[in-house]
Amino acid sequence: MVDVNKCYVIIIIIMLLILIVLLVCARLLPGLPRRDHVGPALKALHWLPVVYRIKFKVALMMFTVHTRRCPDYLTDSVQACNSAE
């Protein structure tokens, strides 16, 4: 059996690594010095924060599954549910 706490820690580590890569890229693209704030650069690049980016990707995937614009293995792996149940 998979320990839920270990899975949670792995997800947090992966999200932190994605955040680090995002911040490094936001510094490199406009050529910011190391000590400058990265917030204005993120706003100028119109990048979403990591949590919202993940939510957007999941919502986009579910939309493509719902509209059948994705491979068959994705539509086969997702089942519709009713909120009334």
PDB file of N, CA and C in Angstrom:
ATOM      1  N   MET A   1       0.843  -1.184   0.000  1.00  0.00           N
ATOM      2  CA  MET A   1       0.000   0.000   0.000  1.00  0.00           C
ATOM      3  C   MET A   1       0.887   1.246   0.000  1.00  0.00           C
ATOM      4  N   VAL A   2       0.474   2.245  -0.776  1.00  0.00           N
ATOM      5  CA  VAL A   2       1.239   3.478  -0.893  1.00  0.00           C
ATOM      6  C   VAL A   2       0.885   4.410   0.263  1.00  0.00           C
ATOM      7  N   ASP A   3       1.907   4.933   0.886  1.00  0.00           N
ATOM      8  CA  ASP A   3       1.703   5.852   1.996  1.00  0.00           C
ATOM      9  C   ASP A   3       1.309   7.225   1.439  1.00  0.00           C
ATOM     10  N   VAL A   4       0.190   7.752   1.903  1.00  0.00           N
ATOM     11  CA  VAL A   4      -0.327   9.017   1.396  1.00  0.00           C
ATOM     12  C   VAL A   4       0.616  10.165   1.737  1.00  0.00           C
ATOM     13  N   ASN A   5       1.222  10.133   2.899  1.00  0.00           N
ATOM     14  CA  ASN A   5       2.138  11.196   3.303  1.00  0.00           C
ATOM     15  C   ASN A   5       3.347  11.267   2.376  1.00  0.00           C
ATOM     16  N   LYS A   6       3.862  10.112   1.953  1.00  0.00           N
ATOM     17  CA  LYS A   6       4.996  10.108   1.041  1.00  0.00           C
ATOM     18  C   LYS A   6       4.602  10.698  -0.312  1.00  0.00           C
ATOM     19  N   CYS A   7       3.405  10.370  -0.783  1.00  0.00           N
ATOM     20  CA  CYS A   7       2.920  10.924  -2.047  1.00  0.00           C
ATOM     21  C   CYS A   7       2.763  12.435  -1.938  1.00  0.00           C
ATOM     22  N   TYR A   8       2.243  12.897  -0.811  1.00  0.00           N
ATOM     23  CA  TYR A   8       2.070  14.326  -0.595  1.00  0.00           C
ATOM     24  C   TYR A   8       3.416  15.045  -0.591  1.00  0.00           C
ATOM     25  N   VAL A   9       4.404  14.470   0.048  1.00  0.00           N
ATOM     26  CA  VAL A   9       5.741  15.072   0.093  1.00  0.00           C
ATOM     27  C   VAL A   9       6.345  15.116  -1.302  1.00  0.00           C
ATOM     28  N   ILE A  10       6.171  14.063  -2.076  1.00  0.00           N
ATOM     29  CA  ILE A  10       6.710  14.030  -3.440  1.00  0.00           C
ATOM     30  C   ILE A  10       6.049  15.108  -4.292  1.00  0.00           C
ATOM     31  N   ILE A  11       4.735  15.291  -4.153  1.00  0.00           N
ATOM     32  CA  ILE A  11       4.030  16.326  -4.912  1.00  0.00           C
ATOM     33  C   ILE A  11       4.530  17.710  -4.520  1.00  0.00           C
ATOM     34  N   ILE A  12       4.739  17.944  -3.235  1.00  0.00           N
ATOM     35  CA  ILE A  12       5.243  19.243  -2.768  1.00  0.00           C
ATOM     36  C   ILE A  12       6.641  19.498  -3.322  1.00  0.00           C
ATOM     37  N   ILE A  13       7.494  18.493  -3.316  1.00  0.00           N
ATOM     38  CA  ILE A  13       8.854  18.651  -3.841  1.00  0.00           C
ATOM     39  C   ILE A  13       8.816  18.969  -5.328  1.00  0.00           C
ATOM     40  N   ILE A  14       7.971  18.274  -6.078  1.00  0.00           N
ATOM     41  CA  ILE A  14       7.867  18.534  -7.513  1.00  0.00           C
ATOM     42  C   ILE A  14       7.359  19.947  -7.769  1.00  0.00           C
ATOM     43  N   MET A  15       6.365  20.395  -6.987  1.00  0.00           N
ATOM     44  CA  MET A  15       5.855  21.757  -7.158  1.00  0.00           C
ATOM     45  C   MET A  15       6.927  22.794  -6.828  1.00  0.00           C
ATOM     46  N   LEU A  16       7.736  22.537  -5.821  1.00  0.00           N
ATOM     47  CA  LEU A  16       8.817  23.469  -5.490  1.00  0.00           C
ATOM     48  C   LEU A  16       9.863  23.524  -6.599  1.00  0.00           C
ATOM     49  N   LEU A  17      10.179  22.376  -7.179  1.00  0.00           N
ATOM     50  CA  LEU A  17      11.142  22.357  -8.285  1.00  0.00           C
ATOM     51  C   LEU A  17      10.596  23.116  -9.497  1.00  0.00           C
ATOM     52  N   ILE A  18       9.317  22.951  -9.783  1.00  0.00           N
ATOM     53  CA  ILE A  18       8.705  23.700 -10.885  1.00  0.00           C
ATOM     54  C   ILE A  18       8.748  25.191 -10.599  1.00  0.00           C
ATOM     55  N   LEU A  19       8.488  25.571  -9.354  1.00  0.00           N
ATOM     56  CA  LEU A  19       8.537  26.980  -8.967  1.00  0.00           C
ATOM     57  C   LEU A  19       9.939  27.551  -9.136  1.00  0.00           C
ATOM     58  N   ILE A  20      10.950  26.795  -8.742  1.00  0.00           N
ATOM     59  CA  ILE A  20      12.329  27.261  -8.879  1.00  0.00           C
ATOM     60  C   ILE A  20      12.672  27.483 -10.348  1.00  0.00           C
ATOM     61  N   VAL A  21      12.284  26.538 -11.197  1.00  0.00           N
ATOM     62  CA  VAL A  21      12.557  26.678 -12.632  1.00  0.00           C
ATOM     63  C   VAL A  21      11.814  27.890 -13.193  1.00  0.00           C
ATOM     64  N   LEU A  22      10.570  28.094 -12.774  1.00  0.00           N
ATOM     65  CA  LEU A  22       9.791  29.233 -13.227  1.00  0.00           C
ATOM     66  C   LEU A  22      10.457  30.554 -12.833  1.00  0.00           C
ATOM     67  N   LEU A  23      10.921  30.640 -11.604  1.00  0.00           N
ATOM     68  CA  LEU A  23      11.552  31.881 -11.139  1.00  0.00           C
ATOM     69  C   LEU A  23      12.888  32.136 -11.830  1.00  0.00           C
ATOM     70  N   VAL A  24      13.658  31.077 -12.068  1.00  0.00           N
ATOM     71  CA  VAL A  24      14.936  31.241 -12.766  1.00  0.00           C
ATOM     72  C   VAL A  24      14.695  31.713 -14.201  1.00  0.00           C
ATOM     73  N   CYS A  25      13.709  31.127 -14.858  1.00  0.00           N
ATOM     74  CA  CYS A  25      13.388  31.553 -16.225  1.00  0.00           C
ATOM     75  C   CYS A  25      12.882  32.987 -16.261  1.00  0.00           C
ATOM     76  N   ALA A  26      12.115  33.373 -15.251  1.00  0.00           N
ATOM     77  CA  ALA A  26      11.609  34.744 -15.201  1.00  0.00           C
ATOM     78  C   ALA A  26      12.738  35.739 -14.973  1.00  0.00           C
ATOM     79  N   ARG A  27      13.826  35.318 -14.350  1.00  0.00           N
ATOM     80  CA  ARG A  27      14.988  36.190 -14.196  1.00  0.00           C
ATOM     81  C   ARG A  27      15.836  36.233 -15.456  1.00  0.00           C
ATOM     82  N   LEU A  28      15.968  35.095 -16.126  1.00  0.00           N
ATOM     83  CA  LEU A  28      16.844  35.019 -17.281  1.00  0.00           C
ATOM     84  C   LEU A  28      16.286  35.737 -18.505  1.00  0.00           C
ATOM     85  N   LEU A  29      14.993  35.587 -18.751  1.00  0.00           N
ATOM     86  CA  LEU A  29      14.417  36.148 -19.973  1.00  0.00           C
ATOM     87  C   LEU A  29      14.550  37.663 -20.060  1.00  0.00           C
ATOM     88  N   PRO A  30      14.174  38.419 -19.025  1.00  0.00           N
ATOM     89  CA  PRO A  30      14.374  39.873 -19.135  1.00  0.00           C
ATOM     90  C   PRO A  30      15.773  40.324 -18.723  1.00  0.00           C
ATOM     91  N   GLY A  31      16.615  39.417 -18.254  1.00  0.00           N
ATOM     92  CA  GLY A  31      17.984  39.771 -17.862  1.00  0.00           C
ATOM     93  C   GLY A  31      18.064  40.485 -16.524  1.00  0.00           C
ATOM     94  N   LEU A  32      17.283  40.065 -15.556  1.00  0.00           N
ATOM     95  CA  LEU A  32      17.285  40.693 -14.232  1.00  0.00           C
ATOM     96  C   LEU A  32      18.515  40.293 -13.435  1.00  0.00           C
ATOM     97  N   PRO A  33      19.069  41.220 -12.661  1.00  0.00           N
ATOM     98  CA  PRO A  33      20.144  40.846 -11.732  1.00  0.00           C
ATOM     99  C   PRO A  33      19.607  39.932 -10.633  1.00  0.00           C
ATOM    100  N   ARG A  34      20.498  39.265  -9.939  1.00  0.00           N
ATOM    101  CA  ARG A  34      20.123  38.276  -8.927  1.00  0.00           C
ATOM    102  C   ARG A  34      19.332  38.878  -7.774  1.00  0.00           C
ATOM    103  N   ARG A  35      19.620  40.108  -7.399  1.00  0.00           N
ATOM    104  CA  ARG A  35      18.988  40.718  -6.220  1.00  0.00           C
ATOM    105  C   ARG A  35      17.661  41.413  -6.523  1.00  0.00           C
ATOM    106  N   ASP A  36      17.298  41.565  -7.778  1.00  0.00           N
ATOM    107  CA  ASP A  36      16.048  42.244  -8.123  1.00  0.00           C
ATOM    108  C   ASP A  36      14.841  41.353  -7.842  1.00  0.00           C
ATOM    109  N   HIS A  37      13.715  41.989  -7.599  1.00  0.00           N
ATOM    110  CA  HIS A  37      12.477  41.243  -7.375  1.00  0.00           C
ATOM    111  C   HIS A  37      11.991  40.658  -8.694  1.00  0.00           C
ATOM    112  N   VAL A  38      11.448  39.442  -8.622  1.00  0.00           N
ATOM    113  CA  VAL A  38      10.999  38.747  -9.825  1.00  0.00           C
ATOM    114  C   VAL A  38       9.512  38.967 -10.079  1.00  0.00           C
ATOM    115  N   GLY A  39       8.784  39.514  -9.121  1.00  0.00           N
ATOM    116  CA  GLY A  39       7.341  39.722  -9.259  1.00  0.00           C
ATOM    117  C   GLY A  39       6.946  40.563 -10.464  1.00  0.00           C
ATOM    118  N   PRO A  40       7.550  41.735 -10.649  1.00  0.00           N
ATOM    119  CA  PRO A  40       7.194  42.526 -11.834  1.00  0.00           C
ATOM    120  C   PRO A  40       7.521  41.814 -13.156  1.00  0.00           C
ATOM    121  N   ALA A  41       8.577  41.038 -13.157  1.00  0.00           N
ATOM    122  CA  ALA A  41       8.923  40.296 -14.380  1.00  0.00           C
ATOM    123  C   ALA A  41       7.872  39.227 -14.667  1.00  0.00           C
ATOM    124  N   LEU A  42       7.372  38.561 -13.622  1.00  0.00           N
ATOM    125  CA  LEU A  42       6.317  37.565 -13.819  1.00  0.00           C
ATOM    126  C   LEU A  42       5.052  38.213 -14.354  1.00  0.00           C
ATOM    127  N   LYS A  43       4.716  39.398 -13.845  1.00  0.00           N
ATOM    128  CA  LYS A  43       3.529  40.096 -14.340  1.00  0.00           C
ATOM    129  C   LYS A  43       3.721  40.540 -15.781  1.00  0.00           C
ATOM    130  N   ALA A  44       4.920  41.006 -16.126  1.00  0.00           N
ATOM    131  CA  ALA A  44       5.188  41.456 -17.493  1.00  0.00           C
ATOM    132  C   ALA A  44       5.160  40.287 -18.477  1.00  0.00           C
ATOM    133  N   LEU A  45       5.557  39.097 -18.008  1.00  0.00           N
ATOM    134  CA  LEU A  45       5.546  37.921 -18.871  1.00  0.00           C
ATOM    135  C   LEU A  45       4.168  37.260 -18.936  1.00  0.00           C
ATOM    136  N   HIS A  46       3.239  37.704 -18.089  1.00  0.00           N
ATOM    137  CA  HIS A  46       1.874  37.145 -18.030  1.00  0.00           C
ATOM    138  C   HIS A  46       1.888  35.659 -17.696  1.00  0.00           C
ATOM    139  N   TRP A  47       2.741  35.257 -16.761  1.00  0.00           N
ATOM    140  CA  TRP A  47       2.817  33.859 -16.343  1.00  0.00           C
ATOM    141  C   TRP A  47       1.942  33.641 -15.130  1.00  0.00           C
ATOM    142  N   LEU A  48       1.274  32.485 -15.096  1.00  0.00           N
ATOM    143  CA  LEU A  48       0.460  32.111 -13.948  1.00  0.00           C
ATOM    144  C   LEU A  48       1.338  31.544 -12.833  1.00  0.00           C
ATOM    145  N   PRO A  49       0.944  31.733 -11.577  1.00  0.00           N
ATOM    146  CA  PRO A  49       1.629  31.024 -10.489  1.00  0.00           C
ATOM    147  C   PRO A  49       1.455  29.513 -10.658  1.00  0.00           C
ATOM    148  N   VAL A  50       2.326  28.741 -10.037  1.00  0.00           N
ATOM    149  CA  VAL A  50       2.375  27.296 -10.249  1.00  0.00           C
ATOM    150  C   VAL A  50       1.048  26.624  -9.904  1.00  0.00           C
ATOM    151  N   VAL A  51       0.444  26.991  -8.783  1.00  0.00           N
ATOM    152  CA  VAL A  51      -0.806  26.349  -8.369  1.00  0.00           C
ATOM    153  C   VAL A  51      -1.907  26.610  -9.398  1.00  0.00           C
ATOM    154  N   TYR A  52      -2.010  27.849  -9.883  1.00  0.00           N
ATOM    155  CA  TYR A  52      -3.034  28.170 -10.873  1.00  0.00           C
ATOM    156  C   TYR A  52      -2.730  27.532 -12.217  1.00  0.00           C
ATOM    157  N   ARG A  53      -1.451  27.397 -12.533  1.00  0.00           N
ATOM    158  CA  ARG A  53      -1.059  26.728 -13.775  1.00  0.00           C
ATOM    159  C   ARG A  53      -1.500  25.263 -13.755  1.00  0.00           C
ATOM    160  N   ILE A  54      -1.326  24.595 -12.622  1.00  0.00           N
ATOM    161  CA  ILE A  54      -1.739  23.193 -12.498  1.00  0.00           C
ATOM    162  C   ILE A  54      -3.261  23.085 -12.602  1.00  0.00           C
ATOM    163  N   LYS A  55      -3.978  23.984 -11.928  1.00  0.00           N
ATOM    164  CA  LYS A  55      -5.440  23.971 -12.012  1.00  0.00           C
ATOM    165  C   LYS A  55      -5.906  24.217 -13.447  1.00  0.00           C
ATOM    166  N   PHE A  56      -5.241  25.128 -14.140  1.00  0.00           N
ATOM    167  CA  PHE A  56      -5.602  25.414 -15.527  1.00  0.00           C
ATOM    168  C   PHE A  56      -5.367  24.201 -16.415  1.00  0.00           C
ATOM    169  N   LYS A  57      -4.239  23.520 -16.238  1.00  0.00           N
ATOM    170  CA  LYS A  57      -3.934  22.339 -17.050  1.00  0.00           C
ATOM    171  C   LYS A  57      -4.951  21.226 -16.808  1.00  0.00           C
ATOM    172  N   VAL A  58      -5.339  21.014 -15.557  1.00  0.00           N
ATOM    173  CA  VAL A  58      -6.326  19.977 -15.253  1.00  0.00           C
ATOM    174  C   VAL A  58      -7.681  20.353 -15.848  1.00  0.00           C
ATOM    175  N   ALA A  59      -8.069  21.617 -15.721  1.00  0.00           N
ATOM    176  CA  ALA A  59      -9.347  22.053 -16.291  1.00  0.00           C
ATOM    177  C   ALA A  59      -9.334  21.931 -17.813  1.00  0.00           C
ATOM    178  N   LEU A  60      -8.215  22.281 -18.440  1.00  0.00           N
ATOM    179  CA  LEU A  60      -8.108  22.154 -19.894  1.00  0.00           C
ATOM    180  C   LEU A  60      -8.178  20.691 -20.330  1.00  0.00           C
ATOM    181  N   MET A  61      -7.536  19.807 -19.578  1.00  0.00           N
ATOM    182  CA  MET A  61      -7.588  18.386 -19.907  1.00  0.00           C
ATOM    183  C   MET A  61      -9.009  17.852 -19.780  1.00  0.00           C
ATOM    184  N   MET A  62      -9.711  18.252 -18.719  1.00  0.00           N
ATOM    185  CA  MET A  62     -11.086  17.791 -18.543  1.00  0.00           C
ATOM    186  C   MET A  62     -12.003  18.338 -19.638  1.00  0.00           C
ATOM    187  N   PHE A  63     -11.744  19.563 -20.073  1.00  0.00           N
ATOM    188  CA  PHE A  63     -12.530  20.129 -21.169  1.00  0.00           C
ATOM    189  C   PHE A  63     -12.302  19.337 -22.458  1.00  0.00           C
ATOM    190  N   THR A  64     -11.053  18.984 -22.750  1.00  0.00           N
ATOM    191  CA  THR A  64     -10.788  18.212 -23.964  1.00  0.00           C
ATOM    192  C   THR A  64     -11.382  16.815 -23.876  1.00  0.00           C
ATOM    193  N   VAL A  65     -11.415  16.241 -22.682  1.00  0.00           N
ATOM    194  CA  VAL A  65     -12.060  14.928 -22.511  1.00  0.00           C
ATOM    195  C   VAL A  65     -13.566  15.070 -22.722  1.00  0.00           C
ATOM    196  N   HIS A  66     -14.160  16.102 -22.152  1.00  0.00           N
ATOM    197  CA  HIS A  66     -15.609  16.308 -22.255  1.00  0.00           C
ATOM    198  C   HIS A  66     -16.037  16.556 -23.706  1.00  0.00           C
ATOM    199  N   THR A  67     -15.220  17.277 -24.467  1.00  0.00           N
ATOM    200  CA  THR A  67     -15.565  17.583 -25.857  1.00  0.00           C
ATOM    201  C   THR A  67     -15.025  16.549 -26.835  1.00  0.00           C
ATOM    202  N   ARG A  68     -14.407  15.497 -26.302  1.00  0.00           N
ATOM    203  CA  ARG A  68     -13.864  14.385 -27.108  1.00  0.00           C
ATOM    204  C   ARG A  68     -12.814  14.849 -28.120  1.00  0.00           C
ATOM    205  N   ARG A  69     -11.983  15.783 -27.716  1.00  0.00           N
ATOM    206  CA  ARG A  69     -10.878  16.268 -28.554  1.00  0.00           C
ATOM    207  C   ARG A  69      -9.539  15.758 -28.052  1.00  0.00           C
ATOM    208  N   CYS A  70      -9.555  14.590 -27.454  1.00  0.00           N
ATOM    209  CA  CYS A  70      -8.342  14.012 -26.891  1.00  0.00           C
ATOM    210  C   CYS A  70      -8.244  12.548 -27.319  1.00  0.00           C
ATOM    211  N   PRO A  71      -7.115  11.901 -27.055  1.00  0.00           N
ATOM    212  CA  PRO A  71      -6.984  10.487 -27.401  1.00  0.00           C
ATOM    213  C   PRO A  71      -7.996   9.620 -26.653  1.00  0.00           C
ATOM    214  N   ASP A  72      -8.281   8.464 -27.241  1.00  0.00           N
ATOM    215  CA  ASP A  72      -9.286   7.566 -26.669  1.00  0.00           C
ATOM    216  C   ASP A  72      -8.915   7.063 -25.280  1.00  0.00           C
ATOM    217  N   TYR A  73      -7.620   6.880 -25.015  1.00  0.00           N
ATOM    218  CA  TYR A  73      -7.244   6.352 -23.704  1.00  0.00           C
ATOM    219  C   TYR A  73      -7.601   7.325 -22.582  1.00  0.00           C
ATOM    220  N   LEU A  74      -7.641   8.620 -22.885  1.00  0.00           N
ATOM    221  CA  LEU A  74      -8.050   9.582 -21.858  1.00  0.00           C
ATOM    222  C   LEU A  74      -9.551   9.551 -21.635  1.00  0.00           C
ATOM    223  N   THR A  75     -10.319   9.484 -22.714  1.00  0.00           N
ATOM    224  CA  THR A  75     -11.773   9.441 -22.540  1.00  0.00           C
ATOM    225  C   THR A  75     -12.213   8.137 -21.887  1.00  0.00           C
ATOM    226  N   ASP A  76     -11.474   7.054 -22.125  1.00  0.00           N
ATOM    227  CA  ASP A  76     -11.807   5.782 -21.489  1.00  0.00           C
ATOM    228  C   ASP A  76     -11.476   5.761 -20.003  1.00  0.00           C
ATOM    229  N   SER A  77     -10.492   6.557 -19.603  1.00  0.00           N
ATOM    230  CA  SER A  77     -10.063   6.530 -18.197  1.00  0.00           C
ATOM    231  C   SER A  77     -10.862   7.472 -17.300  1.00  0.00           C
ATOM    232  N   VAL A  78     -11.689   8.331 -17.886  1.00  0.00           N
ATOM    233  CA  VAL A  78     -12.469   9.293 -17.107  1.00  0.00           C
ATOM    234  C   VAL A  78     -13.938   8.899 -17.161  1.00  0.00           C
ATOM    235  N   GLN A  79     -14.563   8.874 -15.981  1.00  0.00           N
ATOM    236  CA  GLN A  79     -15.992   8.567 -15.896  1.00  0.00           C
ATOM    237  C   GLN A  79     -16.755   9.788 -15.445  1.00  0.00           C
ATOM    238  N   ALA A  80     -17.894  10.016 -16.061  1.00  0.00           N
ATOM    239  CA  ALA A  80     -18.737  11.151 -15.674  1.00  0.00           C
ATOM    240  C   ALA A  80     -19.447  10.820 -14.364  1.00  0.00           C
ATOM    241  N   CYS A  81     -19.662  11.835 -13.556  1.00  0.00           N
ATOM    242  CA  CYS A  81     -20.387  11.654 -12.301  1.00  0.00           C
ATOM    243  C   CYS A  81     -21.481  12.710 -12.202  1.00  0.00           C
ATOM    244  N   ASN A  82     -22.519  12.379 -11.483  1.00  0.00           N
ATOM    245  CA  ASN A  82     -23.615  13.314 -11.245  1.00  0.00           C
ATOM    246  C   ASN A  82     -23.475  13.890  -9.856  1.00  0.00           C
ATOM    247  N   SER A  83     -23.666  15.168  -9.727  1.00  0.00           N
ATOM    248  CA  SER A  83     -23.541  15.797  -8.414  1.00  0.00           C
ATOM    249  C   SER A  83     -24.763  15.493  -7.538  1.00  0.00           C
ATOM    250  N   ALA A  84     -25.839  14.983  -8.149  1.00  0.00           N
ATOM    251  CA  ALA A  84     -27.049  14.684  -7.388  1.00  0.00           C
ATOM    252  C   ALA A  84     -26.941  13.390  -6.592  1.00  0.00           C
ATOM    253  N   GLU A  85     -25.985  12.553  -6.918  1.00  0.00           N
ATOM    254  CA  GLU A  85     -25.859  11.257  -6.239  1.00  0.00           C
ATOM    255  C   GLU A  85     -25.280  11.373  -4.874  1.00  0.00           C
TER     256      GLU A  85
END
